[in-house]
Amino acid sequence: MKNFEVIIADVPDREGLVAEIWYKGLMITELNYDDDHLQLDLYTSNNKISFAYIDFLQALESAKEKLSPSTRESR
């Protein structure tokens, strides 16, 4: 997951936890559960961001695992 970082956050405008995916210091994606459905929000800027597809998939999988109900119950 070169250049990616997954941060679990409790933000005021969401009911549950969210997984923020950062790429080279820029938050590009937020993953959260909305009514038991996995919701993905992408954030863009005026800059083009290019990265390997497999790295992004691995970052998404990491975020999904960290937000899964079984992981949340063990906290």
Protein backbone atom coordinates (compact mmCIF):
# COMPACT_ATOMS: atom_id res chain seq x y z
CA MET A 1 0.00 0.00 0.00
CA LYS A 2 2.78 2.34 -0.96
CA ASN A 3 1.88 6.00 -0.27
CA PHE A 4 -1.54 5.09 1.18
CA GLU A 5 -2.67 5.45 4.78
CA VAL A 6 -5.98 4.26 6.26
CA ILE A 7 -7.24 6.18 9.30
CA ILE A 8 -10.33 5.21 11.29
CA ALA A 9 -12.17 8.31 12.47
CA ASP A 10 -15.29 9.27 14.39
CA VAL A 11 -16.60 12.31 12.54
CA PRO A 12 -19.57 14.42 13.69
CA ASP A 13 -21.61 14.16 10.47
CA ARG A 14 -21.71 10.33 10.41
CA GLU A 15 -23.42 7.90 12.78
CA GLY A 16 -20.62 5.34 12.87
CA LEU A 17 -16.91 5.20 12.29
CA VAL A 18 -15.43 6.03 8.91
CA ALA A 19 -12.25 4.88 7.21
CA GLU A 20 -10.39 7.72 5.56
CA ILE A 21 -7.96 6.74 2.82
CA TRP A 22 -5.13 9.18 2.34
CA TYR A 23 -2.70 9.24 -0.58
CA LYS A 24 0.53 11.21 -0.20
CA GLY A 25 -1.02 13.38 2.53
CA LEU A 26 -4.31 14.05 0.69
CA MET A 27 -7.60 12.49 1.82
CA ILE A 28 -9.05 10.98 -1.33
CA THR A 29 -11.71 8.58 -0.08
CA GLU A 30 -13.99 8.00 2.87
CA LEU A 31 -15.55 4.58 3.46
CA ASN A 32 -18.45 4.04 5.88
CA TYR A 33 -21.50 1.94 6.55
CA ASP A 34 -24.81 3.66 5.80
CA ASP A 35 -27.80 1.50 6.76
CA ASP A 36 -25.62 -1.63 6.58
CA HIS A 37 -24.43 -0.76 3.05
CA LEU A 38 -20.80 0.09 2.39
CA GLN A 39 -20.64 3.70 1.13
CA LEU A 40 -17.63 5.13 -0.73
CA ASP A 41 -17.10 8.89 -1.04
CA LEU A 42 -14.33 10.13 -3.34
CA TYR A 43 -12.78 13.56 -2.86
CA THR A 44 -11.11 15.35 -5.75
CA SER A 45 -9.09 18.47 -6.22
CA ASN A 46 -7.68 20.36 -9.16
CA ASN A 47 -4.71 18.01 -9.17
CA LYS A 48 -4.58 14.69 -10.96
CA ILE A 49 -3.70 11.79 -8.68
CA SER A 50 -2.39 8.63 -10.31
CA PHE A 51 -1.64 5.41 -8.46
CA ALA A 52 -1.53 1.69 -9.05
CA TYR A 53 -4.96 0.07 -9.19
CA ILE A 54 -3.90 -2.86 -7.00
CA ASP A 55 -2.59 -0.49 -4.31
CA PHE A 56 -5.94 1.32 -4.20
CA LEU A 57 -7.82 -1.99 -3.99
CA GLN A 58 -5.60 -3.08 -1.10
CA ALA A 59 -6.26 0.22 0.69
CA LEU A 60 -10.02 -0.25 0.20
CA GLU A 61 -9.86 -3.82 1.52
CA SER A 62 -7.89 -2.68 4.56
CA ALA A 63 -10.50 0.00 5.29
CA LYS A 64 -13.36 -2.47 4.82
CA GLU A 65 -11.76 -4.96 7.22
CA LYS A 66 -11.18 -2.28 9.85
CA LEU A 67 -14.85 -1.21 9.65
CA SER A 68 -16.39 -4.69 9.50
CA PRO A 69 -18.99 -5.42 12.20
CA SER A 70 -16.86 -8.22 13.70
CA THR A 71 -13.86 -5.88 14.00
CA ARG A 72 -15.99 -3.10 15.50
CA GLU A 73 -17.46 -5.48 18.12
CA SER A 74 -13.99 -6.48 19.34
CA ARG A 75 -13.04 -2.89 20.16
